[in-house]
Amino acid sequence: MSRNLTRRGFLKLCWLSLAFLLMPKEGIAYERDDHDDITEEILFGRSNPVFDRDKTDAKKCLECAVYLCLDQSKSDGANDLSILKDYGVDDVPELNQIALTGVFGGSHDKYTHMGWHYDYSGISISALGEPWEKRWELRKKLLLNSVNKVFGFGPVSSFRINVLGYTKGTRVDAFAELLYYVHVLGDYEDKIKANIDKEKYKMDLLAIPFATREASRRNRDFFFDLHESLETLFDSSEDRNSYKSLSDTLGSIAQVARSRPAVSSKTGAENFRKDVMKTKRALKKYVPQLLAQEDFFSQVFG
């Protein structure tokens, strides 16, 4: 009997170990740190002393807000909301107002990663008892309010966010959108690599398409939205050469990516991954120096 119990215990341990290994990446804490690292590298650049400093309250605010907007699921996030409240962010909701429950953790992306401008009105989650769109709008507003607080864009901007509900074309919206797509870019990279390792080449990444033929406001892709946000942030920058170089580089990558056939082979997957990596390198190269010249940014992270 004792031998059977020992054997049973061993088998149980094996199953638990296997379950941990198969756990969705979204449930593993270090991926959040990876997202934060990518975000900081693109915002500050590795040569900037700010990159190596301990987390400032401003950094924590932005990173918590991005997490709550895109990755919060189940019952986590209460501590992040407390950090935003303590920092003084406007109109911070309660966790039960934004929580994503009733879905498998690995599937949360289709409720938050489909695009900054995506229409979620047709999506429902039976466990919530209300349209998902309502919670998405609160998440999006939370990120906007956090950006507004960190950079001090002021009461007019707050009025637009919280009363008018219209921020398109503003720097608050553009910076929040940039943070959103930096996060999505990190997920592209992780998921493509994971799929290649599994020899799964036909990819459904549960996110806004990276590149779409004839992209437009009605047919958005990652590059179309990223271009809009960067144009709003930097089109009037004093460093026109850097902005033009960034715009031209991303435009060239987008042109190639949009011309590729749908991924169905290892070669196609590797090309997809290369395009993502080129995009990340371009952002790392140009965005830090462009942001450093913007008063709203340098006054906080200078």
Protein backbone atom coordinates (compact mmCIF):
# COMPACT_ATOMS: atom_id res chain seq x y z
CA MET A 1 0.00 0.00 0.00
CA SER A 2 2.73 2.47 0.95
CA ARG A 3 4.47 1.67 -2.34
CA ASN A 4 1.27 2.51 -4.27
CA LEU A 5 0.88 5.75 -2.39
CA THR A 6 4.46 6.68 -3.13
CA ARG A 7 3.98 5.85 -6.77
CA ARG A 8 0.71 7.78 -6.85
CA GLY A 9 2.40 10.76 -5.24
CA PHE A 10 5.20 10.60 -7.79
CA LEU A 11 2.71 10.52 -10.67
CA LYS A 12 0.83 13.44 -9.17
CA LEU A 13 4.07 15.42 -8.94
CA CYS A 14 4.78 14.63 -12.60
CA TRP A 15 1.33 15.85 -13.65
CA LEU A 16 1.72 19.04 -11.63
CA SER A 17 5.10 19.68 -13.19
CA LEU A 18 3.68 19.12 -16.67
CA ALA A 19 0.77 21.47 -15.93
CA PHE A 20 3.22 24.18 -14.87
CA LEU A 21 5.24 23.76 -18.05
CA LEU A 22 2.09 24.00 -20.17
CA MET A 23 0.78 27.02 -18.26
CA PRO A 24 -0.03 29.91 -20.63
CA LYS A 25 2.78 32.43 -20.79
CA GLU A 26 0.37 35.13 -19.66
CA GLY A 27 0.26 33.46 -16.25
CA ILE A 28 4.03 33.63 -15.71
CA ALA A 29 5.14 36.76 -13.87
CA TYR A 30 8.41 37.34 -15.68
CA GLU A 31 6.67 38.12 -18.95
CA ARG A 32 5.35 41.31 -17.40
CA ASP A 33 8.92 42.28 -16.55
CA ASP A 34 9.91 41.58 -20.15
CA HIS A 35 7.19 43.93 -21.38
CA ASP A 36 8.38 46.63 -18.99
CA ASP A 37 11.97 46.19 -20.18
CA ILE A 38 10.99 46.52 -23.85
CA THR A 39 8.90 49.59 -23.08
CA GLU A 40 11.70 51.29 -21.14
CA GLU A 41 14.27 50.49 -23.82
CA ILE A 42 12.10 52.04 -26.54
CA LEU A 43 11.17 55.11 -24.45
CA PHE A 44 14.58 55.85 -22.94
CA GLY A 45 17.25 53.88 -24.80
CA ARG A 46 19.90 51.84 -23.01
CA SER A 47 22.40 54.72 -23.07
CA ASN A 48 20.05 56.95 -21.04
CA PRO A 49 20.77 56.80 -17.28
CA VAL A 50 17.01 56.74 -16.69
CA PHE A 51 16.96 53.23 -18.17
CA ASP A 52 19.13 51.83 -15.36
CA ARG A 53 17.50 53.73 -12.51
CA ASP A 54 15.17 52.06 -10.05
CA LYS A 55 11.49 52.33 -10.82
CA THR A 56 10.34 55.89 -10.32
CA ASP A 57 6.72 56.60 -9.44
CA ALA A 58 6.18 57.88 -12.98
CA LYS A 59 7.57 54.67 -14.50
CA LYS A 60 5.44 52.55 -12.18
CA CYS A 61 2.35 54.53 -13.08
CA LEU A 62 2.75 54.04 -16.82
CA GLU A 63 3.68 50.36 -16.55
CA CYS A 64 0.82 49.55 -14.18
CA ALA A 65 -1.63 51.34 -16.46
CA VAL A 66 -0.41 49.43 -19.54
CA TYR A 67 -0.72 46.16 -17.64
CA LEU A 68 -4.26 46.95 -16.48
CA CYS A 69 -5.29 48.03 -19.97
CA LEU A 70 -3.92 45.07 -21.90
CA ASP A 71 -3.10 42.13 -19.62
CA GLN A 72 -5.20 42.22 -16.46
CA SER A 73 -7.24 39.04 -16.09
CA LYS A 74 -9.06 37.10 -13.40
CA SER A 75 -8.62 38.69 -9.95
CA ASP A 76 -5.20 40.35 -10.23
CA GLY A 77 -4.59 44.08 -10.56
CA ALA A 78 -5.75 45.49 -7.22
CA ASN A 79 -2.22 46.54 -6.26
CA ASP A 80 -1.72 48.25 -9.63
CA LEU A 81 -4.92 50.23 -9.15
CA SER A 82 -3.73 51.29 -5.69
CA ILE A 83 -0.46 52.55 -7.18
CA LEU A 84 -2.38 54.66 -9.71
CA LYS A 85 -4.68 56.06 -7.00
CA ASP A 86 -1.70 56.95 -4.80
CA TYR A 87 -0.04 58.68 -7.75
CA GLY A 88 -3.13 60.84 -8.23
CA VAL A 89 -4.47 59.50 -11.52
CA ASP A 90 -7.99 60.77 -12.27
CA ASP A 91 -11.07 58.57 -12.12
CA VAL A 92 -9.39 55.24 -11.20
CA PRO A 93 -12.07 52.51 -11.35
CA GLU A 94 -12.55 49.62 -8.96
CA LEU A 95 -11.16 46.25 -10.01
CA ASN A 96 -14.62 44.74 -10.46
CA GLN A 97 -15.39 47.43 -13.04
CA ILE A 98 -12.56 46.43 -15.40
CA ALA A 99 -11.71 42.83 -14.48
CA LEU A 100 -11.55 40.29 -17.29
CA THR A 101 -13.05 37.09 -15.92
CA GLY A 102 -14.65 34.00 -17.36
CA VAL A 103 -12.06 33.41 -20.12
CA PHE A 104 -9.01 31.22 -20.33
CA GLY A 105 -5.96 33.32 -19.42
CA GLY A 106 -4.22 32.55 -22.70
CA SER A 107 -7.18 33.94 -24.65
CA HIS A 108 -7.38 37.35 -23.01
CA ASP A 109 -5.58 38.95 -25.96
CA LYS A 110 -8.65 38.91 -28.21
CA TYR A 111 -10.41 41.20 -25.73
CA THR A 112 -7.60 43.76 -25.41
CA HIS A 113 -4.98 43.32 -28.15
CA MET A 114 -7.10 43.76 -31.29
CA GLY A 115 -6.19 47.41 -31.71
CA TRP A 116 -6.34 50.80 -30.01
CA HIS A 117 -9.23 51.75 -32.30
CA TYR A 118 -10.90 48.34 -32.49
CA ASP A 119 -14.68 48.17 -32.09
CA TYR A 120 -15.36 45.72 -29.26
CA SER A 121 -19.13 46.34 -29.28
CA GLY A 122 -19.86 42.93 -30.77
CA ILE A 123 -17.96 41.02 -28.09
CA SER A 124 -19.64 39.62 -24.99
CA ILE A 125 -18.46 37.46 -22.10
CA SER A 126 -21.31 35.61 -20.42
CA ALA A 127 -19.61 35.59 -17.00
CA LEU A 128 -19.56 39.40 -16.86
CA GLY A 129 -23.24 40.10 -17.29
CA GLU A 130 -22.50 43.28 -19.28
CA PRO A 131 -20.96 44.18 -22.64
CA TRP A 132 -17.18 43.82 -22.72
CA GLU A 133 -16.95 47.14 -24.58
CA LYS A 134 -17.89 48.98 -21.36
CA ARG A 135 -14.90 47.53 -19.51
CA TRP A 136 -12.56 48.06 -22.43
CA GLU A 137 -13.44 51.76 -22.54
CA LEU A 138 -12.67 52.04 -18.80
CA ARG A 139 -9.31 50.33 -19.34
CA LYS A 140 -8.48 52.62 -22.24
CA LYS A 141 -9.50 55.70 -20.23
CA LEU A 142 -7.34 54.51 -17.34
CA LEU A 143 -4.27 54.43 -19.59
CA LEU A 144 -5.12 57.86 -21.00
CA ASN A 145 -5.59 59.35 -17.52
CA SER A 146 -2.30 57.83 -16.38
CA VAL A 147 -0.41 59.37 -19.32
CA ASN A 148 -2.15 62.68 -18.66
CA LYS A 149 -1.14 62.62 -14.98
CA VAL A 150 2.49 61.60 -15.56
CA PHE A 151 3.16 64.28 -18.15
CA GLY A 152 0.93 67.01 -16.76
CA PHE A 153 -1.02 67.76 -19.92
CA GLY A 154 -3.54 69.52 -17.69
CA PRO A 155 -7.24 69.96 -16.94
CA VAL A 156 -8.30 70.57 -20.54
CA SER A 157 -6.88 67.21 -21.50
CA SER A 158 -8.55 65.63 -18.46
CA PHE A 159 -11.88 67.17 -19.54
CA ARG A 160 -11.50 65.66 -23.00
CA ILE A 161 -10.76 62.23 -21.54
CA ASN A 162 -13.33 62.07 -18.77
CA VAL A 163 -16.18 64.29 -19.96
CA LEU A 164 -16.06 64.47 -23.75
CA GLY A 165 -14.60 61.00 -24.21
CA TYR A 166 -12.75 62.18 -27.30
CA THR A 167 -8.96 62.42 -27.41
CA LYS A 168 -8.07 61.54 -30.99
CA GLY A 169 -5.34 63.73 -32.42
CA THR A 170 -3.96 64.73 -29.01
CA ARG A 171 -0.54 63.91 -27.62
CA VAL A 172 -2.13 62.12 -24.67
CA ASP A 173 -3.88 59.74 -27.03
CA ALA A 174 -0.79 59.35 -29.24
CA PHE A 175 1.52 58.50 -26.34
CA ALA A 176 -0.99 56.05 -24.83
CA GLU A 177 -1.32 54.45 -28.27
CA LEU A 178 2.46 54.18 -28.57
CA LEU A 179 2.61 52.39 -25.20
CA TYR A 180 -0.19 50.09 -26.35
CA TYR A 181 1.60 49.09 -29.56
CA VAL A 182 4.99 48.65 -27.90
CA HIS A 183 3.27 46.06 -25.70
CA VAL A 184 1.63 44.38 -28.71
CA LEU A 185 5.00 44.31 -30.50
CA GLY A 186 6.50 42.40 -27.58
CA ASP A 187 3.68 39.87 -27.78
CA TYR A 188 4.21 39.41 -31.51
CA GLU A 189 7.86 38.59 -30.84
CA ASP A 190 7.12 36.11 -28.02
CA LYS A 191 4.29 34.31 -29.80
CA ILE A 192 6.02 34.00 -33.15
CA LYS A 193 9.07 32.46 -31.49
CA ALA A 194 6.87 30.07 -29.47
CA ASN A 195 5.00 28.99 -32.60
CA ILE A 196 8.21 28.42 -34.54
CA ASP A 197 9.55 26.30 -31.67
CA LYS A 198 6.34 24.23 -31.84
CA GLU A 199 6.58 24.05 -35.66
CA LYS A 200 3.20 25.77 -35.82
CA TYR A 201 3.50 28.07 -38.79
CA LYS A 202 -0.09 29.07 -39.51
CA MET A 203 -0.46 31.76 -36.86
CA ASP A 204 -3.44 33.23 -35.09
CA LEU A 205 -1.80 35.67 -32.69
CA LEU A 206 -5.05 37.10 -31.26
CA ALA A 207 -4.00 40.66 -32.00
CA ILE A 208 -4.39 43.42 -34.56
CA PRO A 209 -2.84 42.26 -37.85
CA PHE A 210 0.83 43.20 -38.08
CA ALA A 211 0.55 44.05 -41.77
CA THR A 212 -2.51 44.17 -44.03
CA ARG A 213 -2.68 44.89 -47.75
CA GLU A 214 -4.17 48.32 -48.47
CA ALA A 215 -4.26 49.33 -44.80
CA SER A 216 -6.59 52.24 -44.02
CA ARG A 217 -8.80 53.65 -41.27
CA ARG A 218 -11.33 50.95 -42.12
CA ASN A 219 -8.71 48.24 -42.50
CA ARG A 220 -6.18 49.01 -39.79
CA ASP A 221 -2.96 47.18 -39.11
CA PHE A 222 -0.12 47.67 -36.62
CA PHE A 223 1.86 49.95 -38.94
CA PHE A 224 -1.08 52.17 -39.84
CA ASP A 225 -1.92 52.87 -36.20
CA LEU A 226 1.71 53.23 -35.13
CA HIS A 227 2.29 55.77 -37.91
CA GLU A 228 -0.69 57.84 -36.71
CA SER A 229 0.59 57.97 -33.14
CA LEU A 230 4.19 58.78 -34.11
CA GLU A 231 3.04 61.48 -36.54
CA THR A 232 1.03 63.18 -33.80
CA LEU A 233 3.94 63.01 -31.37
CA PHE A 234 6.83 63.95 -33.65
CA ASP A 235 5.69 65.50 -36.92
CA SER A 236 6.43 68.98 -35.57
CA SER A 237 9.65 67.87 -33.85
CA GLU A 238 12.72 70.07 -34.16
CA ASP A 239 14.66 66.96 -35.12
CA ARG A 240 13.00 66.51 -38.50
CA ASN A 241 15.79 64.29 -39.79
CA SER A 242 15.33 61.69 -37.04
CA TYR A 243 11.57 61.66 -37.46
CA LYS A 244 11.87 61.33 -41.23
CA SER A 245 14.38 58.50 -40.82
CA LEU A 246 12.06 56.69 -38.42
CA SER A 247 9.05 57.21 -40.66
CA ASP A 248 10.92 56.08 -43.78
CA THR A 249 12.37 53.01 -42.03
CA LEU A 250 8.99 51.88 -40.69
CA GLY A 251 7.40 52.62 -44.06
CA SER A 252 9.91 50.36 -45.82
CA ILE A 253 9.37 47.53 -43.32
CA ALA A 254 5.59 47.93 -43.65
CA GLN A 255 5.74 47.84 -47.45
CA VAL A 256 7.62 44.54 -47.41
CA ALA A 257 5.50 43.02 -44.63
CA ARG A 258 2.25 43.99 -46.37
CA SER A 259 3.39 42.33 -49.59
CA ARG A 260 4.15 38.97 -47.98
CA PRO A 261 1.71 36.08 -48.34
CA ALA A 262 -0.10 34.71 -45.28
CA VAL A 263 2.26 32.78 -43.03
CA SER A 264 2.01 29.04 -43.64
CA SER A 265 5.60 27.79 -43.56
CA LYS A 266 8.76 28.02 -41.47
CA THR A 267 10.23 30.47 -43.98
CA GLY A 268 7.14 32.65 -43.75
CA ALA A 269 7.24 32.54 -39.95
CA GLU A 270 10.93 33.46 -39.89
CA ASN A 271 10.27 36.38 -42.25
CA PHE A 272 7.42 37.54 -40.01
CA ARG A 273 9.75 37.40 -37.00
CA LYS A 274 12.47 39.34 -38.88
CA ASP A 275 9.99 42.09 -39.76
CA VAL A 276 8.93 42.36 -36.11
CA MET A 277 12.55 42.53 -34.94
CA LYS A 278 13.41 45.20 -37.54
CA THR A 279 10.44 47.24 -36.32
CA LYS A 280 11.58 46.97 -32.72
CA ARG A 281 15.14 47.98 -33.65
CA ALA A 282 13.87 51.04 -35.53
CA LEU A 283 11.81 52.18 -32.54
CA LYS A 284 14.75 51.63 -30.18
CA LYS A 285 17.03 53.64 -32.44
CA TYR A 286 14.89 56.72 -33.00
CA VAL A 287 12.13 57.06 -30.40
CA PRO A 288 14.40 57.74 -27.36
CA GLN A 289 16.17 60.66 -29.03
CA LEU A 290 12.90 62.09 -30.34
CA LEU A 291 11.19 61.87 -26.95
CA ALA A 292 14.22 63.37 -25.19
CA GLN A 293 13.69 66.57 -27.20
CA GLU A 294 10.02 66.87 -26.23
CA ASP A 295 9.49 69.12 -23.19
CA PHE A 296 6.56 67.10 -21.84
CA PHE A 297 8.78 64.01 -21.71
CA SER A 298 12.15 65.49 -20.69
CA GLN A 299 10.61 67.40 -17.78
CA VAL A 300 9.59 64.06 -16.24
CA PHE A 301 12.38 61.74 -17.41
CA GLY A 302 15.17 64.17 -18.24
